[in-house]
């Protein structure tokens, strides 16, 4: 009995929480949230459920840990690649999250869940801290830090999540260029009186680059923050008399 207990303890110690989370991310990438079960996890790790429950209480905790691990890697990558300016720092963090959401199709939903249901958890503060430090470095007044950081975070996660969703739909039909060509053609065939603008930008949608479009959106948000909140921005220019 004592021998079996010691063996069980050794297996539990060898199976770290980090390895469990790593395997959970692999399952999520391969089969989505529905594919992440403790049975599938025990098979992948060649262990019993007790060893996993020793480290993780339930699926919600496991999803949270997987989300945190992927976000931490994305933000670390963004911070190490970031040049000196706050604007470039924000772009680096944004691209790190954009690429992570693109690589892990389940991540966008989990981030939305974490930020809305568990803003006091580890994920939301980590993302806000990475963006917020750069907002502060821009010179934004303290009273506007939360609003400015929120605008950037909402754009980053929303745009990246939509891009990932578009990519998944596109893969179901054809490669990206064929999918965009079909969508662009459909826009061009819309009623010109009802959809003049949509028809006019159809070719731009066909030829756009996802990263470039995403970063352009970041620059638009940064331009607005600068104009509204920095002392030399247009919003602070005295009115003509």
Protein backbone atom coordinates (compact mmCIF):
# COMPACT_ATOMS: atom_id res chain seq x y z
CA UNK A 1 0.00 0.00 0.00
CA UNK A 2 2.80 2.39 0.91
CA UNK A 3 4.60 1.56 -2.35
CA UNK A 4 1.50 2.34 -4.42
CA UNK A 5 1.08 5.65 -2.55
CA UNK A 6 4.70 6.66 -3.25
CA UNK A 7 4.28 5.79 -6.95
CA UNK A 8 1.10 7.83 -7.11
CA UNK A 9 2.84 10.80 -5.50
CA UNK A 10 5.71 10.56 -7.99
CA UNK A 11 3.28 10.53 -10.94
CA UNK A 12 1.45 13.55 -9.53
CA UNK A 13 4.71 15.44 -9.01
CA UNK A 14 5.98 14.59 -12.52
CA UNK A 15 2.72 15.77 -14.11
CA UNK A 16 3.01 19.50 -13.54
CA UNK A 17 0.24 22.04 -13.89
CA UNK A 18 2.21 23.59 -16.74
CA UNK A 19 2.21 20.32 -18.69
CA UNK A 20 -1.52 19.90 -18.13
CA UNK A 21 -2.20 23.43 -19.41
CA UNK A 22 0.07 22.83 -22.40
CA UNK A 23 -1.87 19.68 -23.28
CA UNK A 24 -5.15 21.56 -22.82
CA UNK A 25 -4.03 24.22 -25.30
CA UNK A 26 -3.12 21.46 -27.78
CA UNK A 27 -6.57 19.92 -27.45
CA UNK A 28 -8.29 23.28 -27.78
CA UNK A 29 -6.30 24.05 -30.93
CA UNK A 30 -7.16 20.68 -32.42
CA UNK A 31 -10.82 20.29 -31.47
CA UNK A 32 -12.09 23.48 -29.83
CA UNK A 33 -13.72 23.85 -26.43
CA UNK A 34 -15.97 20.81 -26.95
CA UNK A 35 -12.88 18.67 -27.52
CA UNK A 36 -11.35 19.63 -24.19
CA UNK A 37 -12.55 16.94 -21.81
CA UNK A 38 -10.80 15.39 -18.85
CA UNK A 39 -11.06 12.03 -20.58
CA UNK A 40 -9.26 13.34 -23.65
CA UNK A 41 -6.72 15.02 -21.41
CA UNK A 42 -5.98 11.83 -19.47
CA UNK A 43 -5.48 9.97 -22.75
CA UNK A 44 -3.12 12.62 -24.12
CA UNK A 45 -1.11 12.72 -20.89
CA UNK A 46 -1.26 8.94 -20.32
CA UNK A 47 -2.37 9.40 -16.74
CA UNK A 48 -5.42 9.02 -14.53
CA UNK A 49 -7.99 11.73 -13.83
CA UNK A 50 -6.92 11.95 -10.19
CA UNK A 51 -3.49 13.22 -11.18
CA UNK A 52 -5.09 16.01 -13.25
CA UNK A 53 -7.63 16.96 -10.57
CA UNK A 54 -4.70 17.29 -8.17
CA UNK A 55 -3.68 20.38 -10.16
CA UNK A 56 -6.92 21.61 -11.79
CA UNK A 57 -10.33 21.55 -10.13
CA UNK A 58 -12.61 21.67 -13.19
CA UNK A 59 -12.91 22.58 -16.87
CA UNK A 60 -13.57 26.27 -16.21
CA UNK A 61 -10.32 26.54 -14.28
CA UNK A 62 -8.53 24.68 -17.06
CA UNK A 63 -9.93 27.01 -19.75
CA UNK A 64 -8.89 30.02 -17.70
CA UNK A 65 -5.39 28.65 -17.23
CA UNK A 66 -5.04 27.86 -20.94
CA UNK A 67 -6.20 31.38 -21.84
CA UNK A 68 -3.80 32.93 -19.37
CA UNK A 69 -0.87 30.88 -20.69
CA UNK A 70 -1.46 31.84 -24.33
CA UNK A 71 -2.01 35.52 -23.48
CA UNK A 72 1.13 35.61 -21.32
CA UNK A 73 3.19 34.22 -24.21
CA UNK A 74 1.66 36.69 -26.66
CA UNK A 75 2.30 39.68 -24.42
CA UNK A 76 5.84 38.58 -23.60
CA UNK A 77 6.57 38.26 -27.31
CA UNK A 78 5.11 41.69 -27.95
CA UNK A 79 7.10 43.35 -25.17
CA UNK A 80 10.43 41.83 -26.24
CA UNK A 81 9.93 42.91 -29.85
CA UNK A 82 8.72 46.40 -28.95
CA UNK A 83 10.91 49.36 -29.97
CA UNK A 84 11.18 52.44 -27.78
CA UNK A 85 8.13 54.60 -28.52
CA UNK A 86 4.80 54.07 -26.74
CA UNK A 87 3.01 53.94 -30.10
CA UNK A 88 5.25 51.14 -31.31
CA UNK A 89 4.86 49.41 -27.96
CA UNK A 90 1.09 49.42 -28.38
CA UNK A 91 1.43 48.11 -31.94
CA UNK A 92 3.69 45.29 -30.75
CA UNK A 93 1.31 44.23 -27.99
CA UNK A 94 -1.63 44.48 -30.39
CA UNK A 95 0.06 42.31 -33.02
CA UNK A 96 1.06 39.76 -30.39
CA UNK A 97 -2.59 39.37 -29.37
CA UNK A 98 -3.76 39.48 -33.00
CA UNK A 99 -1.45 36.62 -33.97
CA UNK A 100 -2.32 34.59 -30.86
CA UNK A 101 -6.05 34.87 -31.59
CA UNK A 102 -5.41 33.94 -35.21
CA UNK A 103 -3.33 30.91 -34.18
CA UNK A 104 -5.72 29.71 -31.47
CA UNK A 105 -9.31 29.87 -32.83
CA UNK A 106 -10.86 29.29 -29.39
CA UNK A 107 -9.04 32.21 -27.77
CA UNK A 108 -11.33 35.06 -28.86
CA UNK A 109 -14.36 33.52 -27.14
CA UNK A 110 -12.41 32.78 -23.99
CA UNK A 111 -11.02 36.31 -23.83
CA UNK A 112 -14.51 37.76 -24.15
CA UNK A 113 -15.66 35.45 -21.37
CA UNK A 114 -12.74 36.33 -19.12
CA UNK A 115 -13.09 40.08 -19.58
CA UNK A 116 -16.86 40.12 -19.07
CA UNK A 117 -17.29 37.50 -16.34
CA UNK A 118 -13.97 37.60 -14.54
CA UNK A 119 -12.37 41.05 -14.92
CA UNK A 120 -10.67 40.58 -11.54
CA UNK A 121 -8.90 37.43 -12.75
CA UNK A 122 -5.39 37.34 -14.14
CA UNK A 123 -6.11 37.80 -17.87
CA UNK A 124 -7.89 41.17 -17.96
CA UNK A 125 -5.39 42.98 -15.69
CA UNK A 126 -2.47 41.55 -17.67
CA UNK A 127 -3.83 42.89 -20.98
CA UNK A 128 -4.79 46.26 -19.50
CA UNK A 129 -1.40 46.62 -17.86
CA UNK A 130 0.45 45.97 -21.12
CA UNK A 131 -1.62 48.58 -22.97
CA UNK A 132 -2.05 50.97 -20.05
CA UNK A 133 1.66 51.44 -19.41
CA UNK A 134 2.06 52.59 -23.00
CA UNK A 135 -0.96 54.89 -22.73
CA UNK A 136 0.61 56.49 -19.66
CA UNK A 137 3.93 56.82 -21.50
CA UNK A 138 2.13 58.66 -24.31
CA UNK A 139 1.38 61.45 -21.85
CA UNK A 140 -2.36 60.90 -21.60
CA UNK A 141 -3.74 62.60 -18.45
CA UNK A 142 -4.40 60.17 -15.61
CA UNK A 143 -8.13 60.87 -15.60
CA UNK A 144 -8.34 59.50 -19.16
CA UNK A 145 -6.12 56.43 -18.76
CA UNK A 146 -8.97 53.95 -18.36
CA UNK A 147 -10.98 55.31 -21.28
CA UNK A 148 -8.01 55.42 -23.64
CA UNK A 149 -6.74 51.96 -22.67
CA UNK A 150 -10.26 50.53 -22.91
CA UNK A 151 -10.70 51.91 -26.42
CA UNK A 152 -7.49 50.23 -27.54
CA UNK A 153 -8.24 46.92 -25.81
CA UNK A 154 -11.78 46.80 -27.22
CA UNK A 155 -10.51 47.49 -30.73
CA UNK A 156 -7.66 44.96 -30.49
CA UNK A 157 -9.77 42.10 -29.18
CA UNK A 158 -12.80 42.91 -31.33
CA UNK A 159 -10.89 43.29 -34.59
CA UNK A 160 -8.64 40.30 -33.91
CA UNK A 161 -11.61 38.14 -32.96
CA UNK A 162 -13.52 39.14 -36.09
CA UNK A 163 -10.48 38.45 -38.24
CA UNK A 164 -10.10 34.98 -36.72
CA UNK A 165 -13.79 34.28 -37.33
CA UNK A 166 -13.46 35.41 -40.94
CA UNK A 167 -10.44 33.18 -41.41
CA UNK A 168 -12.32 30.15 -40.09
CA UNK A 169 -15.29 30.79 -42.39
CA UNK A 170 -12.96 31.34 -45.33
CA UNK A 171 -11.24 28.02 -44.75
CA UNK A 172 -14.59 26.25 -44.95
CA UNK A 173 -15.16 27.55 -48.48
CA UNK A 174 -11.86 28.17 -50.23
CA UNK A 175 -8.50 29.77 -49.73
CA UNK A 176 -8.43 33.37 -48.53
CA UNK A 177 -8.02 35.01 -51.94
CA UNK A 178 -10.89 33.04 -53.45
CA UNK A 179 -13.13 33.78 -50.49
CA UNK A 180 -12.41 37.53 -50.62
CA UNK A 181 -12.85 37.56 -54.39
CA UNK A 182 -16.29 35.97 -54.05
CA UNK A 183 -17.31 38.43 -51.32
CA UNK A 184 -16.00 41.40 -53.30
CA UNK A 185 -17.85 40.30 -56.42
CA UNK A 186 -21.08 39.98 -54.43
CA UNK A 187 -20.64 43.51 -53.07
CA UNK A 188 -20.06 44.88 -56.55
CA UNK A 189 -23.37 43.37 -57.67
CA UNK A 190 -25.41 45.12 -54.97
CA UNK A 191 -28.00 47.74 -55.87
CA UNK A 192 -25.97 50.90 -56.65
CA UNK A 193 -28.66 53.20 -55.27
CA UNK A 194 -28.94 51.36 -51.95
CA UNK A 195 -25.25 50.48 -51.47
CA UNK A 196 -23.07 53.08 -53.22
CA UNK A 197 -20.34 53.06 -50.57
CA UNK A 198 -20.18 49.28 -50.21
CA UNK A 199 -19.83 48.88 -53.97
CA UNK A 200 -17.10 51.54 -54.05
CA UNK A 201 -14.89 49.72 -51.52
CA UNK A 202 -15.44 46.20 -52.87
CA UNK A 203 -12.07 46.15 -54.62
CA UNK A 204 -10.33 47.37 -51.48
CA UNK A 205 -11.76 44.44 -49.53
CA UNK A 206 -10.55 42.01 -52.20
CA UNK A 207 -6.96 43.22 -52.01
CA UNK A 208 -6.54 44.13 -48.35
CA UNK A 209 -3.88 42.72 -46.01
CA UNK A 210 -5.23 41.69 -42.60
CA UNK A 211 -2.19 42.82 -40.59
CA UNK A 212 -1.97 46.12 -42.42
CA UNK A 213 -5.67 46.82 -41.95
CA UNK A 214 -5.45 45.92 -38.27
CA UNK A 215 -2.47 48.21 -37.65
CA UNK A 216 -4.17 51.03 -39.56
CA UNK A 217 -7.06 50.73 -37.13
CA UNK A 218 -4.63 50.94 -34.21
CA UNK A 219 -3.17 54.11 -35.72
CA UNK A 220 -6.65 55.62 -36.10
CA UNK A 221 -7.39 54.97 -32.41
CA UNK A 222 -3.99 56.37 -31.40
CA UNK A 223 -4.59 59.47 -33.52
CA UNK A 224 -7.90 60.01 -31.74
CA UNK A 225 -6.32 59.55 -28.31
CA UNK A 226 -3.56 61.99 -29.20
CA UNK A 227 -6.00 64.58 -30.55
CA UNK A 228 -8.29 64.39 -27.54
CA UNK A 229 -5.92 63.98 -24.63
CA UNK A 230 -2.45 65.30 -25.38
CA UNK A 231 -1.73 68.98 -24.63
CA UNK A 232 -0.74 69.82 -28.21
CA UNK A 233 -3.67 67.93 -29.76
CA UNK A 234 -6.42 69.73 -31.71
CA UNK A 235 -8.90 69.25 -28.90
CA UNK A 236 -6.77 71.53 -26.70
CA UNK A 237 -6.26 74.25 -29.28
CA UNK A 238 -7.91 77.46 -28.04
CA UNK A 239 -10.95 78.51 -30.12
CA UNK A 240 -10.51 81.37 -32.58
CA UNK A 241 -11.72 84.74 -31.36
